[in-house]
């Protein structure tokens, strides 16, 4: 059984700091992030086992450069919760290239 961890914090720099703390303090994986109000509020989502996510969220809450606006550890999320988190995460996935554009061959210099 896994868990999702959410931390909402003011500012992108504070969010990156919180993510760094979480990833260094426990075996968790970054899932996605959402920016609202022009980046003034940033929500970071992580996943891992319940104890790791709890430890990561606690550490980020106590050590981040700003106090989080909200935080949550969601143990054993419902499949609909995973669906919405995965939808958010899918926008971060690398775009697959469509048909690659072939290089235009260089014209050879022939005597005219």
N, C-alpha and C. Protein backbone atom coordinates (compact mmCIF):
# COMPACT_ATOMS: atom_id res chain seq x y z
N UNK A 1 0.84 -1.18 0.00
CA UNK A 1 0.00 0.00 0.00
C UNK A 1 0.88 1.24 0.00
N UNK A 2 0.55 2.18 -0.83
CA UNK A 2 1.33 3.40 -0.93
C UNK A 2 0.60 4.58 -0.34
N UNK A 3 1.27 5.70 -0.41
CA UNK A 3 0.70 6.94 0.08
C UNK A 3 1.09 8.08 -0.84
N UNK A 4 0.25 9.09 -0.85
CA UNK A 4 0.56 10.33 -1.53
C UNK A 4 0.78 11.40 -0.47
N UNK A 5 1.73 12.28 -0.74
CA UNK A 5 1.97 13.40 0.15
C UNK A 5 1.81 14.69 -0.63
N UNK A 6 1.12 15.64 -0.04
CA UNK A 6 0.88 16.94 -0.66
C UNK A 6 1.42 18.01 0.27
N UNK A 7 2.13 18.98 -0.30
CA UNK A 7 2.54 20.13 0.48
C UNK A 7 2.32 21.36 -0.40
N UNK A 8 1.59 22.30 0.14
CA UNK A 8 1.31 23.55 -0.59
C UNK A 8 2.05 24.65 0.12
N UNK A 9 2.85 25.39 -0.66
CA UNK A 9 3.73 26.39 -0.07
C UNK A 9 3.75 27.62 -0.97
N UNK A 10 4.09 28.73 -0.41
CA UNK A 10 4.09 29.99 -1.15
C UNK A 10 5.42 30.18 -1.88
N UNK A 11 5.37 30.18 -3.20
CA UNK A 11 6.54 30.48 -4.02
C UNK A 11 7.24 29.26 -4.57
N UNK A 12 7.77 29.41 -5.78
CA UNK A 12 8.45 28.31 -6.45
C UNK A 12 9.75 27.95 -5.74
N UNK A 13 10.50 28.94 -5.28
CA UNK A 13 11.76 28.66 -4.59
C UNK A 13 11.52 27.86 -3.32
N UNK A 14 10.53 28.24 -2.55
CA UNK A 14 10.20 27.50 -1.33
C UNK A 14 9.72 26.09 -1.67
N UNK A 15 9.01 25.93 -2.77
CA UNK A 15 8.54 24.61 -3.19
C UNK A 15 9.70 23.71 -3.58
N UNK A 16 10.66 24.26 -4.29
CA UNK A 16 11.84 23.48 -4.68
C UNK A 16 12.63 23.09 -3.42
N UNK A 17 12.75 24.01 -2.48
CA UNK A 17 13.42 23.71 -1.22
C UNK A 17 12.70 22.58 -0.48
N UNK A 18 11.37 22.66 -0.40
CA UNK A 18 10.59 21.62 0.29
C UNK A 18 10.75 20.28 -0.41
N UNK A 19 10.73 20.25 -1.75
CA UNK A 19 10.91 19.01 -2.49
C UNK A 19 12.29 18.42 -2.22
N UNK A 20 13.31 19.25 -2.21
CA UNK A 20 14.66 18.79 -1.95
C UNK A 20 14.75 18.16 -0.56
N UNK A 21 14.16 18.80 0.42
CA UNK A 21 14.15 18.26 1.79
C UNK A 21 13.44 16.92 1.81
N UNK A 22 12.29 16.83 1.16
CA UNK A 22 11.52 15.58 1.18
C UNK A 22 12.29 14.44 0.53
N UNK A 23 12.89 14.70 -0.62
CA UNK A 23 13.59 13.64 -1.34
C UNK A 23 14.87 13.21 -0.62
N UNK A 24 15.50 14.12 0.12
CA UNK A 24 16.71 13.77 0.85
C UNK A 24 16.41 13.07 2.18
N UNK A 25 15.22 13.27 2.72
CA UNK A 25 14.95 12.76 4.06
C UNK A 25 14.25 11.40 4.07
N UNK A 26 13.72 10.96 2.95
CA UNK A 26 13.00 9.68 2.93
C UNK A 26 12.97 9.13 1.51
N UNK A 27 12.66 7.88 1.40
CA UNK A 27 12.58 7.21 0.10
C UNK A 27 11.22 7.52 -0.53
N UNK A 28 11.13 8.70 -1.15
CA UNK A 28 9.90 9.13 -1.81
C UNK A 28 10.23 9.52 -3.24
N UNK A 29 9.20 9.62 -4.05
CA UNK A 29 9.36 9.98 -5.46
C UNK A 29 8.48 11.16 -5.77
N UNK A 30 9.05 12.15 -6.46
CA UNK A 30 8.29 13.30 -6.94
C UNK A 30 7.31 12.82 -8.00
N UNK A 31 6.04 13.26 -7.88
CA UNK A 31 5.02 12.86 -8.84
C UNK A 31 4.67 14.02 -9.77
N UNK A 32 4.30 15.16 -9.20
CA UNK A 32 3.89 16.30 -10.00
C UNK A 32 3.88 17.55 -9.14
N UNK A 33 3.62 18.65 -9.78
CA UNK A 33 3.44 19.91 -9.06
C UNK A 33 2.43 20.76 -9.80
N UNK A 34 1.79 21.63 -9.08
CA UNK A 34 0.80 22.54 -9.65
C UNK A 34 1.11 23.94 -9.14
N UNK A 35 1.05 24.90 -10.03
CA UNK A 35 1.24 26.31 -9.64
C UNK A 35 -0.09 27.02 -9.80
N UNK A 36 -0.45 27.77 -8.78
CA UNK A 36 -1.69 28.55 -8.80
C UNK A 36 -1.36 29.99 -8.45
N UNK A 37 -2.24 30.88 -8.84
CA UNK A 37 -2.07 32.31 -8.55
C UNK A 37 -0.74 32.82 -9.09
N UNK A 38 -0.40 32.43 -10.29
CA UNK A 38 0.83 32.90 -10.91
C UNK A 38 2.08 32.39 -10.23
N UNK A 39 2.01 31.24 -9.59
CA UNK A 39 3.17 30.67 -8.91
C UNK A 39 3.29 31.08 -7.47
N UNK A 40 2.33 31.86 -6.99
CA UNK A 40 2.40 32.26 -5.58
C UNK A 40 2.08 31.11 -4.66
N UNK A 41 1.27 30.17 -5.11
CA UNK A 41 1.02 28.94 -4.35
C UNK A 41 1.43 27.76 -5.22
N UNK A 42 2.26 26.90 -4.66
CA UNK A 42 2.75 25.74 -5.40
C UNK A 42 2.45 24.50 -4.57
N UNK A 43 1.84 23.52 -5.20
CA UNK A 43 1.57 22.24 -4.54
C UNK A 43 2.51 21.19 -5.12
N UNK A 44 3.26 20.53 -4.24
CA UNK A 44 4.16 19.46 -4.62
C UNK A 44 3.50 18.14 -4.20
N UNK A 45 3.53 17.14 -5.08
CA UNK A 45 2.96 15.83 -4.77
C UNK A 45 4.08 14.81 -4.83
N UNK A 46 4.18 13.99 -3.78
CA UNK A 46 5.16 12.91 -3.73
C UNK A 46 4.44 11.60 -3.46
N UNK A 47 5.14 10.48 -3.69
CA UNK A 47 4.57 9.19 -3.37
C UNK A 47 5.64 8.30 -2.76
N UNK A 48 5.18 7.29 -2.02
CA UNK A 48 6.08 6.33 -1.39
C UNK A 48 5.27 5.53 -0.39
N UNK A 49 5.98 4.77 0.45
CA UNK A 49 5.21 4.06 1.48
C UNK A 49 4.80 5.07 2.56
N UNK A 50 3.84 4.67 3.35
CA UNK A 50 3.20 5.61 4.29
C UNK A 50 4.21 6.25 5.24
N UNK A 51 5.10 5.45 5.81
CA UNK A 51 6.06 6.00 6.77
C UNK A 51 7.04 6.95 6.10
N UNK A 52 7.48 6.65 4.89
CA UNK A 52 8.41 7.53 4.18
C UNK A 52 7.75 8.85 3.81
N UNK A 53 6.53 8.77 3.30
CA UNK A 53 5.81 10.00 2.94
C UNK A 53 5.55 10.85 4.17
N UNK A 54 5.16 10.22 5.27
CA UNK A 54 4.92 10.97 6.51
C UNK A 54 6.18 11.66 6.99
N UNK A 55 7.30 10.95 6.98
CA UNK A 55 8.58 11.54 7.41
C UNK A 55 8.99 12.69 6.50
N UNK A 56 8.82 12.51 5.20
CA UNK A 56 9.20 13.55 4.24
C UNK A 56 8.36 14.81 4.42
N UNK A 57 7.05 14.64 4.57
CA UNK A 57 6.16 15.80 4.75
C UNK A 57 6.47 16.50 6.07
N UNK A 58 6.69 15.74 7.15
CA UNK A 58 7.03 16.33 8.44
C UNK A 58 8.32 17.13 8.36
N UNK A 59 9.34 16.56 7.72
CA UNK A 59 10.61 17.28 7.60
C UNK A 59 10.48 18.55 6.79
N UNK A 60 9.78 18.48 5.68
CA UNK A 60 9.61 19.68 4.85
C UNK A 60 8.79 20.74 5.59
N UNK A 61 7.79 20.31 6.34
CA UNK A 61 6.96 21.25 7.10
C UNK A 61 7.80 21.99 8.14
N UNK A 62 8.73 21.28 8.76
CA UNK A 62 9.54 21.87 9.82
C UNK A 62 10.79 22.61 9.33
N UNK A 63 11.33 22.21 8.16
CA UNK A 63 12.63 22.74 7.74
C UNK A 63 12.61 23.64 6.51
N UNK A 64 11.51 23.71 5.79
CA UNK A 64 11.47 24.52 4.56
C UNK A 64 11.67 26.00 4.88
N UNK A 65 12.12 26.75 3.88
CA UNK A 65 12.40 28.17 4.10
C UNK A 65 11.14 28.99 4.37
N UNK A 66 9.98 28.44 4.03
CA UNK A 66 8.70 29.07 4.35
C UNK A 66 7.80 28.04 4.99
N UNK A 67 6.89 28.51 5.81
CA UNK A 67 5.91 27.61 6.43
C UNK A 67 4.87 27.25 5.37
N UNK A 68 4.59 25.95 5.20
CA UNK A 68 3.58 25.55 4.22
C UNK A 68 2.19 26.08 4.57
N UNK A 69 1.42 26.36 3.54
CA UNK A 69 0.03 26.78 3.70
C UNK A 69 -0.82 25.58 4.12
N UNK A 70 -0.50 24.41 3.55
CA UNK A 70 -1.24 23.18 3.87
C UNK A 70 -0.34 21.99 3.57
N UNK A 71 -0.63 20.88 4.23
CA UNK A 71 0.08 19.63 3.93
C UNK A 71 -0.83 18.47 4.29
N UNK A 72 -0.60 17.33 3.60
CA UNK A 72 -1.47 16.17 3.77
C UNK A 72 -0.71 14.91 3.41
N UNK A 73 -0.89 13.87 4.22
CA UNK A 73 -0.45 12.53 3.86
C UNK A 73 -1.71 11.71 3.65
N UNK A 74 -1.85 11.17 2.47
CA UNK A 74 -3.04 10.41 2.11
C UNK A 74 -2.65 8.95 1.93
N UNK A 75 -2.94 8.12 2.93
CA UNK A 75 -2.60 6.70 2.89
C UNK A 75 -3.61 5.95 2.03
N UNK A 76 -3.09 5.04 1.21
CA UNK A 76 -3.93 4.19 0.37
C UNK A 76 -4.99 4.99 -0.39
N UNK A 77 -4.55 5.91 -1.27
CA UNK A 77 -5.52 6.75 -1.99
C UNK A 77 -6.47 5.94 -2.87
N UNK A 78 -7.67 6.44 -3.00
CA UNK A 78 -8.69 5.84 -3.86
C UNK A 78 -8.23 5.94 -5.32
N UNK A 79 -8.70 5.04 -6.15
CA UNK A 79 -8.31 5.03 -7.57
C UNK A 79 -8.66 6.34 -8.28
N UNK A 80 -9.72 7.01 -7.88
CA UNK A 80 -10.07 8.30 -8.50
C UNK A 80 -9.07 9.38 -8.10
N UNK A 81 -8.54 9.28 -6.90
CA UNK A 81 -7.50 10.23 -6.46
C UNK A 81 -6.24 10.02 -7.30
N UNK A 82 -5.86 8.76 -7.49
CA UNK A 82 -4.71 8.47 -8.34
C UNK A 82 -4.94 8.98 -9.76
N UNK A 83 -6.16 8.84 -10.25
CA UNK A 83 -6.48 9.28 -11.62
C UNK A 83 -6.21 10.77 -11.79
N UNK A 84 -6.65 11.58 -10.83
CA UNK A 84 -6.46 13.03 -10.97
C UNK A 84 -5.00 13.41 -10.79
N UNK A 85 -4.29 12.70 -9.91
CA UNK A 85 -2.86 12.98 -9.73
C UNK A 85 -2.10 12.58 -10.99
N UNK A 86 -2.43 11.43 -11.56
CA UNK A 86 -1.77 10.99 -12.79
C UNK A 86 -2.08 11.92 -13.96
N UNK A 87 -3.27 12.46 -14.00
CA UNK A 87 -3.60 13.42 -15.05
C UNK A 87 -2.71 14.65 -14.95
N UNK A 88 -2.51 15.12 -13.72
CA UNK A 88 -1.61 16.26 -13.51
C UNK A 88 -0.18 15.89 -13.91
N UNK A 89 0.25 14.70 -13.52
CA UNK A 89 1.62 14.27 -13.80
C UNK A 89 1.86 14.07 -15.30
N UNK A 90 0.83 13.71 -16.03
CA UNK A 90 1.01 13.43 -17.46
C UNK A 90 1.43 14.66 -18.24
N UNK A 91 1.13 15.83 -17.74
CA UNK A 91 1.56 17.04 -18.46
C UNK A 91 3.06 17.27 -18.34
N UNK A 92 3.71 16.59 -17.38
CA UNK A 92 5.15 16.70 -17.22
C UNK A 92 5.92 15.66 -18.02
N UNK A 93 5.21 14.66 -18.53
CA UNK A 93 5.86 13.59 -19.28
C UNK A 93 6.42 14.15 -20.58
N UNK A 94 7.57 13.64 -21.00
CA UNK A 94 8.15 14.14 -22.25
C UNK A 94 7.22 13.88 -23.42
N UNK A 95 7.13 14.86 -24.26
CA UNK A 95 6.29 14.72 -25.45
C UNK A 95 6.99 13.80 -26.44
N UNK A 96 6.24 12.89 -27.02
CA UNK A 96 6.83 12.02 -28.02
C UNK A 96 6.94 12.81 -29.31
N UNK A 97 8.05 12.61 -29.96
CA UNK A 97 8.24 13.32 -31.21
C UNK A 97 7.35 12.72 -32.27
N UNK A 98 6.77 13.61 -33.05
CA UNK A 98 6.02 13.10 -34.18
C UNK A 98 7.06 12.73 -35.22
N UNK A 99 6.70 12.61 -36.44
CA UNK A 99 7.65 12.23 -37.46
C UNK A 99 8.80 13.23 -37.49
N UNK A 100 10.02 12.74 -37.27
CA UNK A 100 11.14 13.68 -37.26
C UNK A 100 11.32 14.31 -38.64
N UNK A 101 11.67 15.56 -38.60
CA UNK A 101 11.89 16.29 -39.85
C UNK A 101 13.27 15.92 -40.36
N UNK A 102 13.33 15.47 -41.59
CA UNK A 102 14.62 15.09 -42.18
C UNK A 102 15.42 16.34 -42.49
N UNK A 103 16.72 16.22 -42.37
CA UNK A 103 17.57 17.35 -42.71
C UNK A 103 17.52 17.58 -44.21
N UNK A 104 17.51 18.83 -44.58
CA UNK A 104 17.53 19.17 -46.00
C UNK A 104 18.92 18.90 -46.53
N UNK A 105 19.03 18.10 -47.58
CA UNK A 105 20.37 17.83 -48.12
C UNK A 105 21.02 19.10 -48.65
N UNK A 106 22.32 19.17 -48.40
CA UNK A 106 23.07 20.34 -48.87
C UNK A 106 23.29 20.20 -50.37
N UNK A 107 23.21 21.35 -51.04
CA UNK A 107 23.43 21.33 -52.49
C UNK A 107 24.90 21.13 -52.76
N UNK A 108 25.19 20.26 -53.68
CA UNK A 108 26.59 20.03 -54.02
C UNK A 108 27.07 21.15 -54.94
N UNK A 109 28.32 21.47 -54.76
CA UNK A 109 28.91 22.53 -55.60
C UNK A 109 29.55 21.88 -56.81
N UNK A 110 28.87 21.98 -57.92
CA UNK A 110 29.40 21.41 -59.17
C UNK A 110 29.78 22.56 -60.08
N UNK A 111 30.74 22.28 -60.89
CA UNK A 111 31.14 23.30 -61.88
C UNK A 111 29.98 23.53 -62.82
N UNK A 112 29.76 24.77 -63.07
CA UNK A 112 28.68 25.12 -63.99
C UNK A 112 29.20 25.43 -65.34
